[in-house]
Amino acid sequence: MKLLGTWTALFVVGLAASGCNKVGATDQEAASSPAKQDEVLGLYVQCFNKVSASASMSFERYASWVDLKTGPTNEASVGTVYAIDDYQTKVCLENLAKAPTTGELAAPTKAYAASLSALVPLVLEAKTYYEQKDYKDDAFAKGKQLHGTLVAAFEAYESAEAALRTVWDGMNAASRDRVLAEVEKTSGRKSEVFVTRLVMSVSEQLIEVVLDEAATSASITAAIDRYKAAHGEMATFFGPTLTASTDTDRYMFKQSSDELMVQVKEAARALAAGQKLPESGDGSAEAVLEAYNRLVDTSNSITWD
């Protein structure tokens, strides 16, 4: 049974346009206005980054001690279940309530919200049951009943999230390309806003390729080369005068991009030697992803000019 396999490595998402979480949009506005469409896409970022992380931790904690096929049977191995963050869930569902009710995202959004709303209370019920050791009173009767329902709810959430993410990814890629082209047209390539957005755009594309099970060595190498070129363009723009003392936020962003470059180069070396990406350690998909996620976190903390 493939359960929650996509959660083993969390892909943090950013968004090219700023101010994307302010308001929702009417269906007509979302369809006709690129800016409004970017706002709509922004409504999903917190769900993907925060709720997915919390749900992943919840499942992984449960799966660490229970046999997923048989359910709980042995008091000696009983653990607990982490609750899914109720605040992050609340924010996520509030954001999704602002999303358009028609269009490509409408149906998967509705299914995602329903699966999340069903999963959260089940997880809390299981958490209470095991933390209060109620299994000692009923010989795991409720635990066994909860197990099947809980695993099915996790699977439903994973499926709904994957379906929503597929649609969102396609729309975000189009938005990402459009925004970058607009920035180049209005600000020029030799501008802070362009070089930083370029790095974020190609790094996200890099991760999409690295995490694609069907990706080839040639496609990964091409994505790596695009990141190297974008990183070099940004490094040239900022030059040696950018230090922690001159601008800490931008320096930290540059440092994060350098950390990703280290992992990118290690991956490139393995591919150049005719090998696959390492299974772990420097140059592995996990290490590249972790470096990318740190880059997103750093980028999200800065208001770019």
C-alpha atoms as a PDB file:
ATOM      1  CA  MET A   1       0.000   0.000   0.000  1.00  0.00           C
ATOM      2  CA  LYS A   2       1.385   3.366  -0.998  1.00  0.00           C
ATOM      3  CA  LEU A   3       0.474   5.648   1.862  1.00  0.00           C
ATOM      4  CA  LEU A   4       1.626   9.229   2.051  1.00  0.00           C
ATOM      5  CA  GLY A   5       4.769   8.580   0.074  1.00  0.00           C
ATOM      6  CA  THR A   6       4.782  12.134  -1.226  1.00  0.00           C
ATOM      7  CA  TRP A   7       5.156  13.408   2.317  1.00  0.00           C
ATOM      8  CA  THR A   8       8.557  11.887   2.947  1.00  0.00           C
ATOM      9  CA  ALA A   9      10.117  15.026   1.459  1.00  0.00           C
ATOM     10  CA  LEU A  10       8.161  18.229   1.922  1.00  0.00           C
ATOM     11  CA  PHE A  11       8.294  20.596  -1.035  1.00  0.00           C
ATOM     12  CA  VAL A  12       7.800  24.093   0.373  1.00  0.00           C
ATOM     13  CA  VAL A  13       6.178  26.400  -2.136  1.00  0.00           C
ATOM     14  CA  GLY A  14       6.651  30.083  -2.686  1.00  0.00           C
ATOM     15  CA  LEU A  15       4.862  32.415  -5.054  1.00  0.00           C
ATOM     16  CA  ALA A  16       6.414  34.789  -7.542  1.00  0.00           C
ATOM     17  CA  ALA A  17       4.025  37.674  -6.958  1.00  0.00           C
ATOM     18  CA  SER A  18       4.003  39.550  -3.669  1.00  0.00           C
ATOM     19  CA  GLY A  19       0.964  40.273  -1.530  1.00  0.00           C
ATOM     20  CA  CYS A  20      -0.854  37.142  -2.646  1.00  0.00           C
ATOM     21  CA  ASN A  21      -2.662  36.347   0.582  1.00  0.00           C
ATOM     22  CA  LYS A  22      -4.589  39.583   0.990  1.00  0.00           C
ATOM     23  CA  VAL A  23      -7.998  38.835  -0.446  1.00  0.00           C
ATOM     24  CA  GLY A  24      -9.912  36.328  -2.497  1.00  0.00           C
ATOM     25  CA  ALA A  25     -11.238  37.032  -5.946  1.00  0.00           C
ATOM     26  CA  THR A  26     -14.513  36.659  -7.726  1.00  0.00           C
ATOM     27  CA  ASP A  27     -14.660  33.946 -10.352  1.00  0.00           C
ATOM     28  CA  GLN A  28     -14.759  36.525 -13.134  1.00  0.00           C
ATOM     29  CA  GLU A  29     -11.821  38.479 -11.745  1.00  0.00           C
ATOM     30  CA  ALA A  30      -9.739  35.351 -11.254  1.00  0.00           C
ATOM     31  CA  ALA A  31     -10.357  34.326 -14.835  1.00  0.00           C
ATOM     32  CA  SER A  32      -9.669  37.727 -16.367  1.00  0.00           C
ATOM     33  CA  SER A  33      -6.948  39.325 -14.240  1.00  0.00           C
ATOM     34  CA  PRO A  34      -3.404  37.917 -13.863  1.00  0.00           C
ATOM     35  CA  ALA A  35      -3.023  39.834 -10.593  1.00  0.00           C
ATOM     36  CA  LYS A  36      -6.210  38.340  -9.205  1.00  0.00           C
ATOM     37  CA  GLN A  37      -5.172  34.881 -10.323  1.00  0.00           C
ATOM     38  CA  ASP A  38      -1.915  35.317  -8.421  1.00  0.00           C
ATOM     39  CA  GLU A  39      -3.931  36.282  -5.339  1.00  0.00           C
ATOM     40  CA  VAL A  40      -5.995  33.118  -5.728  1.00  0.00           C
ATOM     41  CA  LEU A  41      -2.869  30.970  -6.030  1.00  0.00           C
ATOM     42  CA  GLY A  42      -1.532  32.601  -2.892  1.00  0.00           C
ATOM     43  CA  LEU A  43      -4.486  31.316  -0.904  1.00  0.00           C
ATOM     44  CA  TYR A  44      -3.094  27.780  -1.143  1.00  0.00           C
ATOM     45  CA  VAL A  45       0.519  28.331  -0.117  1.00  0.00           C
ATOM     46  CA  GLN A  46      -0.098  28.160   3.639  1.00  0.00           C
ATOM     47  CA  CYS A  47      -2.084  24.925   3.236  1.00  0.00           C
ATOM     48  CA  PHE A  48       0.692  23.252   1.260  1.00  0.00           C
ATOM     49  CA  ASN A  49       3.508  24.467   3.494  1.00  0.00           C
ATOM     50  CA  LYS A  50       2.026  24.418   6.999  1.00  0.00           C
ATOM     51  CA  VAL A  51      -0.893  21.996   7.054  1.00  0.00           C
ATOM     52  CA  SER A  52       0.871  19.408   4.907  1.00  0.00           C
ATOM     53  CA  ALA A  53       3.854  19.481   7.265  1.00  0.00           C
ATOM     54  CA  SER A  54       1.647  19.036  10.312  1.00  0.00           C
ATOM     55  CA  ALA A  55      -0.385  16.232   8.717  1.00  0.00           C
ATOM     56  CA  SER A  56       2.827  14.504   7.622  1.00  0.00           C
ATOM     57  CA  MET A  57       4.251  14.602  11.146  1.00  0.00           C
ATOM     58  CA  SER A  58       0.969  13.279  12.522  1.00  0.00           C
ATOM     59  CA  PHE A  59       0.917  10.285  10.216  1.00  0.00           C
ATOM     60  CA  GLU A  60       4.619   9.534  10.563  1.00  0.00           C
ATOM     61  CA  ARG A  61       4.299   9.514  14.354  1.00  0.00           C
ATOM     62  CA  TYR A  62       1.398   7.068  14.202  1.00  0.00           C
ATOM     63  CA  ALA A  63       3.071   4.855  11.596  1.00  0.00           C
ATOM     64  CA  SER A  64       6.265   4.738  13.695  1.00  0.00           C
ATOM     65  CA  TRP A  65       4.707   2.392  16.239  1.00  0.00           C
ATOM     66  CA  VAL A  66       1.564   0.817  14.769  1.00  0.00           C
ATOM     67  CA  ASP A  67       1.387  -1.915  12.136  1.00  0.00           C
ATOM     68  CA  LEU A  68      -0.590  -0.258   9.360  1.00  0.00           C
ATOM     69  CA  LYS A  69      -1.969  -3.608   8.179  1.00  0.00           C
ATOM     70  CA  THR A  70      -3.155  -4.999  11.512  1.00  0.00           C
ATOM     71  CA  GLY A  71      -3.637  -1.956  13.672  1.00  0.00           C
ATOM     72  CA  PRO A  72      -2.602  -1.655  17.339  1.00  0.00           C
ATOM     73  CA  THR A  73      -2.280  -4.951  19.206  1.00  0.00           C
ATOM     74  CA  ASN A  74       0.475  -4.691  21.802  1.00  0.00           C
ATOM     75  CA  GLU A  75       0.525  -2.362  24.803  1.00  0.00           C
ATOM     76  CA  ALA A  76       4.315  -2.537  24.944  1.00  0.00           C
ATOM     77  CA  SER A  77       4.633  -0.723  21.619  1.00  0.00           C
ATOM     78  CA  VAL A  78       1.886   1.875  22.004  1.00  0.00           C
ATOM     79  CA  GLY A  79       2.785   5.448  21.180  1.00  0.00           C
ATOM     80  CA  THR A  80       0.581   8.373  20.318  1.00  0.00           C
ATOM     81  CA  VAL A  81      -0.576  10.520  17.415  1.00  0.00           C
ATOM     82  CA  TYR A  82       0.417  14.147  16.919  1.00  0.00           C
ATOM     83  CA  ALA A  83      -2.549  16.475  16.510  1.00  0.00           C
ATOM     84  CA  ILE A  84      -2.717  18.376  13.239  1.00  0.00           C
ATOM     85  CA  ASP A  85      -2.105  22.049  14.012  1.00  0.00           C
ATOM     86  CA  ASP A  86      -5.570  23.496  14.635  1.00  0.00           C
ATOM     87  CA  TYR A  87      -4.488  27.102  14.035  1.00  0.00           C
ATOM     88  CA  GLN A  88      -2.847  26.310  10.698  1.00  0.00           C
ATOM     89  CA  THR A  89      -5.882  24.254   9.728  1.00  0.00           C
ATOM     90  CA  LYS A  90      -8.196  27.140  10.590  1.00  0.00           C
ATOM     91  CA  VAL A  91      -6.148  29.596   8.506  1.00  0.00           C
ATOM     92  CA  CYS A  92      -5.982  27.154   5.602  1.00  0.00           C
ATOM     93  CA  LEU A  93      -9.738  26.566   5.528  1.00  0.00           C
ATOM     94  CA  GLU A  94     -10.435  30.282   5.863  1.00  0.00           C
ATOM     95  CA  ASN A  95      -8.143  30.941   2.904  1.00  0.00           C
ATOM     96  CA  LEU A  96      -9.791  28.271   0.793  1.00  0.00           C
ATOM     97  CA  ALA A  97     -13.218  29.688   1.583  1.00  0.00           C
ATOM     98  CA  LYS A  98     -12.136  32.793  -0.355  1.00  0.00           C
ATOM     99  CA  ALA A  99     -11.188  30.804  -3.463  1.00  0.00           C
ATOM    100  CA  PRO A 100     -13.362  30.913  -6.606  1.00  0.00           C
ATOM    101  CA  THR A 101     -16.218  28.418  -6.717  1.00  0.00           C
ATOM    102  CA  THR A 102     -15.785  27.730 -10.422  1.00  0.00           C
ATOM    103  CA  GLY A 103     -12.802  26.989 -12.610  1.00  0.00           C
ATOM    104  CA  GLU A 104     -10.024  24.400 -12.506  1.00  0.00           C
ATOM    105  CA  LEU A 105      -9.318  24.751  -8.805  1.00  0.00           C
ATOM    106  CA  ALA A 106     -12.927  24.639  -7.595  1.00  0.00           C
ATOM    107  CA  ALA A 107     -13.554  20.876  -7.426  1.00  0.00           C
ATOM    108  CA  PRO A 108     -10.142  19.840  -6.025  1.00  0.00           C
ATOM    109  CA  THR A 109     -10.337  22.682  -3.488  1.00  0.00           C
ATOM    110  CA  LYS A 110     -13.693  21.437  -2.248  1.00  0.00           C
ATOM    111  CA  ALA A 111     -12.421  17.862  -2.002  1.00  0.00           C
ATOM    112  CA  TYR A 112      -9.255  18.954  -0.196  1.00  0.00           C
ATOM    113  CA  ALA A 113     -11.163  21.043   2.355  1.00  0.00           C
ATOM    114  CA  ALA A 114     -13.586  18.180   2.993  1.00  0.00           C
ATOM    115  CA  SER A 115     -10.802  15.625   3.483  1.00  0.00           C
ATOM    116  CA  LEU A 116      -8.900  17.922   5.851  1.00  0.00           C
ATOM    117  CA  SER A 117     -12.031  18.713   7.850  1.00  0.00           C
ATOM    118  CA  ALA A 118     -12.704  14.979   8.199  1.00  0.00           C
ATOM    119  CA  LEU A 119      -9.129  14.067   9.141  1.00  0.00           C
ATOM    120  CA  VAL A 120      -8.453  16.615  11.886  1.00  0.00           C
ATOM    121  CA  PRO A 121     -11.085  15.453  14.420  1.00  0.00           C
ATOM    122  CA  LEU A 122     -10.214  11.785  13.839  1.00  0.00           C
ATOM    123  CA  VAL A 123      -6.578  12.483  14.604  1.00  0.00           C
ATOM    124  CA  LEU A 124      -7.552  14.361  17.761  1.00  0.00           C
ATOM    125  CA  GLU A 125      -9.810  11.506  18.846  1.00  0.00           C
ATOM    126  CA  ALA A 126      -6.994   9.009  18.359  1.00  0.00           C
ATOM    127  CA  LYS A 127      -4.533  11.268  20.163  1.00  0.00           C
ATOM    128  CA  THR A 128      -6.825  11.514  23.196  1.00  0.00           C
ATOM    129  CA  TYR A 129      -7.484   7.765  23.213  1.00  0.00           C
ATOM    130  CA  TYR A 130      -3.812   6.818  23.286  1.00  0.00           C
ATOM    131  CA  GLU A 131      -2.552   9.601  25.527  1.00  0.00           C
ATOM    132  CA  GLN A 132      -5.170   8.740  28.149  1.00  0.00           C
ATOM    133  CA  LYS A 133      -4.355   5.027  27.743  1.00  0.00           C
ATOM    134  CA  ASP A 134      -7.988   4.107  27.197  1.00  0.00           C
ATOM    135  CA  TYR A 135      -6.830   1.019  25.296  1.00  0.00           C
ATOM    136  CA  LYS A 136      -6.181  -0.542  28.693  1.00  0.00           C
ATOM    137  CA  ASP A 137      -9.908  -0.444  29.381  1.00  0.00           C
ATOM    138  CA  ASP A 138     -11.233  -1.906  26.129  1.00  0.00           C
ATOM    139  CA  ALA A 139      -8.395  -4.164  24.928  1.00  0.00           C
ATOM    140  CA  PHE A 140      -7.813  -1.917  21.913  1.00  0.00           C
ATOM    141  CA  ALA A 141     -11.401  -2.247  20.689  1.00  0.00           C
ATOM    142  CA  LYS A 142     -11.757   1.454  19.922  1.00  0.00           C
ATOM    143  CA  GLY A 143      -8.158   1.635  18.759  1.00  0.00           C
ATOM    144  CA  LYS A 144      -8.808  -1.042  16.143  1.00  0.00           C
ATOM    145  CA  GLN A 145     -12.002   0.680  15.028  1.00  0.00           C
ATOM    146  CA  LEU A 146     -10.231   4.020  14.812  1.00  0.00           C
ATOM    147  CA  HIS A 147      -7.290   2.540  12.935  1.00  0.00           C
ATOM    148  CA  GLY A 148      -9.115   1.687   9.743  1.00  0.00           C
ATOM    149  CA  THR A 149     -11.026   4.949   9.735  1.00  0.00           C
ATOM    150  CA  LEU A 150      -7.916   6.975  10.530  1.00  0.00           C
ATOM    151  CA  VAL A 151      -5.731   5.380   7.848  1.00  0.00           C
ATOM    152  CA  ALA A 152      -8.512   5.810   5.286  1.00  0.00           C
ATOM    153  CA  ALA A 153      -8.806   9.488   6.255  1.00  0.00           C
ATOM    154  CA  PHE A 154      -5.059  10.005   5.867  1.00  0.00           C
ATOM    155  CA  GLU A 155      -5.182   8.326   2.455  1.00  0.00           C
ATOM    156  CA  ALA A 156      -8.146  10.473   1.397  1.00  0.00           C
ATOM    157  CA  TYR A 157      -6.317  13.614   2.470  1.00  0.00           C
ATOM    158  CA  GLU A 158      -3.162  12.599   0.607  1.00  0.00           C
ATOM    159  CA  SER A 159      -5.141  11.887  -2.539  1.00  0.00           C
ATOM    160  CA  ALA A 160      -7.061  15.164  -2.330  1.00  0.00           C
ATOM    161  CA  GLU A 161      -3.903  17.149  -1.678  1.00  0.00           C
ATOM    162  CA  ALA A 162      -2.114  15.517  -4.630  1.00  0.00           C
ATOM    163  CA  ALA A 163      -5.027  16.297  -6.959  1.00  0.00           C
ATOM    164  CA  LEU A 164      -5.203  19.894  -5.796  1.00  0.00           C
ATOM    165  CA  ARG A 165      -1.459  20.325  -5.978  1.00  0.00           C
ATOM    166  CA  THR A 166      -1.350  19.033  -9.559  1.00  0.00           C
ATOM    167  CA  VAL A 167      -3.798  21.692 -10.742  1.00  0.00           C
ATOM    168  CA  TRP A 168      -2.154  24.385  -8.617  1.00  0.00           C
ATOM    169  CA  ASP A 169       1.323  23.507  -9.900  1.00  0.00           C
ATOM    170  CA  GLY A 170       0.274  23.967 -13.494  1.00  0.00           C
ATOM    171  CA  MET A 171      -1.330  27.330 -12.821  1.00  0.00           C
ATOM    172  CA  ASN A 172       1.596  28.447 -10.681  1.00  0.00           C
ATOM    173  CA  ALA A 173       4.115  27.537 -13.398  1.00  0.00           C
ATOM    174  CA  ALA A 174       2.236  29.689 -15.887  1.00  0.00           C
ATOM    175  CA  SER A 175       2.050  32.532 -13.367  1.00  0.00           C
ATOM    176  CA  ARG A 176       5.732  32.160 -12.531  1.00  0.00           C
ATOM    177  CA  ASP A 177       6.775  32.469 -16.163  1.00  0.00           C
ATOM    178  CA  ARG A 178       4.448  35.397 -16.801  1.00  0.00           C
ATOM    179  CA  VAL A 179       5.576  37.355 -13.759  1.00  0.00           C
ATOM    180  CA  LEU A 180       9.255  36.852 -14.578  1.00  0.00           C
ATOM    181  CA  ALA A 181       8.693  38.068 -18.138  1.00  0.00           C
ATOM    182  CA  GLU A 182       6.816  41.126 -16.866  1.00  0.00           C
ATOM    183  CA  VAL A 183       9.586  41.938 -14.383  1.00  0.00           C
ATOM    184  CA  GLU A 184      12.254  41.679 -17.067  1.00  0.00           C
ATOM    185  CA  LYS A 185      10.216  43.987 -19.296  1.00  0.00           C
ATOM    186  CA  THR A 186       9.556  46.634 -16.642  1.00  0.00           C
ATOM    187  CA  SER A 187      12.731  46.475 -14.515  1.00  0.00           C
ATOM    188  CA  GLY A 188      15.312  44.911 -16.820  1.00  0.00           C
ATOM    189  CA  ARG A 189      17.572  41.930 -16.181  1.00  0.00           C
ATOM    190  CA  LYS A 190      20.054  44.040 -14.237  1.00  0.00           C
ATOM    191  CA  SER A 191      17.750  44.693 -11.301  1.00  0.00           C
ATOM    192  CA  GLU A 192      17.388  43.203  -7.859  1.00  0.00           C
ATOM    193  CA  VAL A 193      13.795  42.204  -8.412  1.00  0.00           C
ATOM    194  CA  PHE A 194      14.644  40.324 -11.600  1.00  0.00           C
ATOM    195  CA  VAL A 195      17.742  38.428 -10.463  1.00  0.00           C
ATOM    196  CA  THR A 196      16.127  37.296  -7.207  1.00  0.00           C
ATOM    197  CA  ARG A 197      12.903  36.211  -8.883  1.00  0.00           C
ATOM    198  CA  LEU A 198      14.945  34.419 -11.530  1.00  0.00           C
ATOM    199  CA  VAL A 199      16.749  32.427  -8.840  1.00  0.00           C
ATOM    200  CA  MET A 200      13.458  31.505  -7.165  1.00  0.00           C
ATOM    201  CA  SER A 201      11.867  30.549 -10.476  1.00  0.00           C
ATOM    202  CA  VAL A 202      14.625  28.257 -11.717  1.00  0.00           C
ATOM    203  CA  SER A 203      15.203  26.750  -8.262  1.00  0.00           C
ATOM    204  CA  GLU A 204      11.536  25.754  -8.063  1.00  0.00           C
ATOM    205  CA  GLN A 205      11.767  24.228 -11.534  1.00  0.00           C
ATOM    206  CA  LEU A 206      14.896  22.380 -10.392  1.00  0.00           C
ATOM    207  CA  ILE A 207      13.044  20.813  -7.468  1.00  0.00           C
ATOM    208  CA  GLU A 208      10.132  19.831  -9.677  1.00  0.00           C
ATOM    209  CA  VAL A 209      12.555  17.909 -11.885  1.00  0.00           C
ATOM    210  CA  VAL A 210      14.544  16.386  -9.023  1.00  0.00           C
ATOM    211  CA  LEU A 211      11.384  15.069  -7.367  1.00  0.00           C
ATOM    212  CA  ASP A 212       9.961  13.724 -10.621  1.00  0.00           C
ATOM    213  CA  GLU A 213      10.372   9.946 -10.599  1.00  0.00           C
ATOM    214  CA  ALA A 214      10.359   9.965 -14.402  1.00  0.00           C
ATOM    215  CA  ALA A 215      13.143  12.536 -14.682  1.00  0.00           C
ATOM    216  CA  THR A 216      16.266  11.528 -16.585  1.00  0.00           C
ATOM    217  CA  SER A 217      19.878  12.398 -15.878  1.00  0.00           C
ATOM    218  CA  ALA A 218      19.760  14.725 -18.883  1.00  0.00           C
ATOM    219  CA  SER A 219      16.688  16.611 -17.630  1.00  0.00           C
ATOM    220  CA  ILE A 220      18.136  16.966 -14.132  1.00  0.00           C
ATOM    221  CA  THR A 221      21.447  18.169 -15.559  1.00  0.00           C
ATOM    222  CA  ALA A 222      19.634  20.759 -17.692  1.00  0.00           C
ATOM    223  CA  ALA A 223      17.739  22.022 -14.637  1.00  0.00           C
ATOM    224  CA  ILE A 224      20.988  22.193 -12.670  1.00  0.00           C
ATOM    225  CA  ASP A 225      22.636  24.206 -15.447  1.00  0.00           C
ATOM    226  CA  ARG A 226      19.726  26.675 -15.421  1.00  0.00           C
ATOM    227  CA  TYR A 227      20.133  27.169 -11.686  1.00  0.00           C
ATOM    228  CA  LYS A 228      23.883  27.677 -12.001  1.00  0.00           C
ATOM    229  CA  ALA A 229      23.325  30.348 -14.664  1.00  0.00           C
ATOM    230  CA  ALA A 230      20.663  32.148 -12.612  1.00  0.00           C
ATOM    231  CA  HIS A 231      22.772  32.000  -9.466  1.00  0.00           C
ATOM    232  CA  GLY A 232      25.738  33.422 -11.357  1.00  0.00           C
ATOM    233  CA  GLU A 233      23.623  36.258 -12.738  1.00  0.00           C
ATOM    234  CA  MET A 234      22.448  37.165  -9.247  1.00  0.00           C
ATOM    235  CA  ALA A 235      25.951  36.909  -7.771  1.00  0.00           C
ATOM    236  CA  THR A 236      27.260  39.268 -10.457  1.00  0.00           C
ATOM    237  CA  PHE A 237      24.494  41.756  -9.736  1.00  0.00           C
ATOM    238  CA  PHE A 238      25.060  41.896  -5.974  1.00  0.00           C
ATOM    239  CA  GLY A 239      28.852  41.686  -6.239  1.00  0.00           C
ATOM    240  CA  PRO A 240      31.283  41.480  -3.312  1.00  0.00           C
ATOM    241  CA  THR A 241      29.816  44.518  -1.517  1.00  0.00           C
ATOM    242  CA  LEU A 242      26.809  42.557  -0.249  1.00  0.00           C
ATOM    243  CA  THR A 243      27.678  41.497   3.304  1.00  0.00           C
ATOM    244  CA  ALA A 244      25.808  40.782   6.517  1.00  0.00           C
ATOM    245  CA  SER A 245      26.649  44.291   7.725  1.00  0.00           C
ATOM    246  CA  THR A 246      25.413  46.064   4.581  1.00  0.00           C
ATOM    247  CA  ASP A 247      22.107  44.196   4.242  1.00  0.00           C
ATOM    248  CA  THR A 248      21.492  41.203   6.484  1.00  0.00           C
ATOM    249  CA  ASP A 249      18.275  39.987   4.822  1.00  0.00           C
ATOM    250  CA  ARG A 250      19.645  40.006   1.304  1.00  0.00           C
ATOM    251  CA  TYR A 251      22.926  38.546   2.476  1.00  0.00           C
ATOM    252  CA  MET A 252      21.059  35.658   4.110  1.00  0.00           C
ATOM    253  CA  PHE A 253      19.119  35.105   0.887  1.00  0.00           C
ATOM    254  CA  LYS A 254      22.373  35.015  -1.038  1.00  0.00           C
ATOM    255  CA  GLN A 255      23.839  32.602   1.518  1.00  0.00           C
ATOM    256  CA  SER A 256      20.836  30.302   1.150  1.00  0.00           C
ATOM    257  CA  SER A 257      21.212  30.343  -2.617  1.00  0.00           C
ATOM    258  CA  ASP A 258      24.907  29.465  -2.150  1.00  0.00           C
ATOM    259  CA  GLU A 259      23.938  26.507   0.060  1.00  0.00           C
ATOM    260  CA  LEU A 260      21.639  25.254  -2.671  1.00  0.00           C
ATOM    261  CA  MET A 261      24.495  25.678  -5.144  1.00  0.00           C
ATOM    262  CA  VAL A 262      26.671  23.377  -3.030  1.00  0.00           C
ATOM    263  CA  GLN A 263      24.046  20.643  -3.223  1.00  0.00           C
ATOM    264  CA  VAL A 264      23.448  21.305  -6.910  1.00  0.00           C
ATOM    265  CA  LYS A 265      27.151  20.892  -7.688  1.00  0.00           C
ATOM    266  CA  GLU A 266      27.334  17.637  -5.715  1.00  0.00           C
ATOM    267  CA  ALA A 267      24.350  16.322  -7.656  1.00  0.00           C
ATOM    268  CA  ALA A 268      25.947  17.427 -10.924  1.00  0.00           C
ATOM    269  CA  ARG A 269      29.189  15.624 -10.075  1.00  0.00           C
ATOM    270  CA  ALA A 270      27.331  12.369  -9.500  1.00  0.00           C
ATOM    271  CA  LEU A 271      25.437  12.708 -12.781  1.00  0.00           C
ATOM    272  CA  ALA A 272      28.604  13.614 -14.680  1.00  0.00           C
ATOM    273  CA  ALA A 273      30.192  10.398 -13.417  1.00  0.00           C
ATOM    274  CA  GLY A 274      27.325   8.426 -14.895  1.00  0.00           C
ATOM    275  CA  GLN A 275      25.707   7.790 -11.541  1.00  0.00           C
ATOM    276  CA  LYS A 276      22.265   8.508 -10.157  1.00  0.00           C
ATOM    277  CA  LEU A 277      21.743  11.104  -7.453  1.00  0.00           C
ATOM    278  CA  PRO A 278      23.066   9.861  -4.097  1.00  0.00           C
ATOM    279  CA  GLU A 279      20.430   8.207  -1.926  1.00  0.00           C
ATOM    280  CA  SER A 280      21.445  10.350   1.036  1.00  0.00           C
ATOM    281  CA  GLY A 281      23.895  13.056   2.018  1.00  0.00           C
ATOM    282  CA  ASP A 282      25.234  15.854  -0.167  1.00  0.00           C
ATOM    283  CA  GLY A 283      23.806  15.895  -3.661  1.00  0.00           C
ATOM    284  CA  SER A 284      20.847  13.677  -2.822  1.00  0.00           C
ATOM    285  CA  ALA A 285      17.308  14.711  -3.729  1.00  0.00           C
ATOM    286  CA  GLU A 286      16.600  15.165  -0.026  1.00  0.00           C
ATOM    287  CA  ALA A 287      19.602  17.457   0.506  1.00  0.00           C
ATOM    288  CA  VAL A 288      18.751  19.522  -2.584  1.00  0.00           C
ATOM    289  CA  LEU A 289      15.159  19.817  -1.396  1.00  0.00           C
ATOM    290  CA  GLU A 290      16.143  20.860   2.126  1.00  0.00           C
ATOM    291  CA  ALA A 291      18.425  23.566   0.738  1.00  0.00           C
ATOM    292  CA  TYR A 292      15.641  24.784  -1.540  1.00  0.00           C
ATOM    293  CA  ASN A 293      13.173  24.909   1.347  1.00  0.00           C
ATOM    294  CA  ARG A 294      15.591  27.056   3.346  1.00  0.00           C
ATOM    295  CA  LEU A 295      15.915  29.361   0.336  1.00  0.00           C
ATOM    296  CA  VAL A 296      12.124  29.745   0.192  1.00  0.00           C
ATOM    297  CA  ASP A 297      11.965  30.509   3.915  1.00  0.00           C
ATOM    298  CA  THR A 298      14.656  33.161   3.526  1.00  0.00           C
ATOM    299  CA  SER A 299      12.949  34.678   0.508  1.00  0.00           C
ATOM    300  CA  ASN A 300       9.594  34.813   2.282  1.00  0.00           C
ATOM    301  CA  SER A 301      11.084  36.888   5.090  1.00  0.00           C
ATOM    302  CA  ILE A 302      12.204  39.712   2.771  1.00  0.00           C
ATOM    303  CA  THR A 303      10.262  42.537   1.170  1.00  0.00           C
ATOM    304  CA  TRP A 304      11.980  42.881  -2.176  1.00  0.00           C
ATOM    305  CA  ASP A 305      12.312  46.307  -3.757  1.00  0.00           C
END
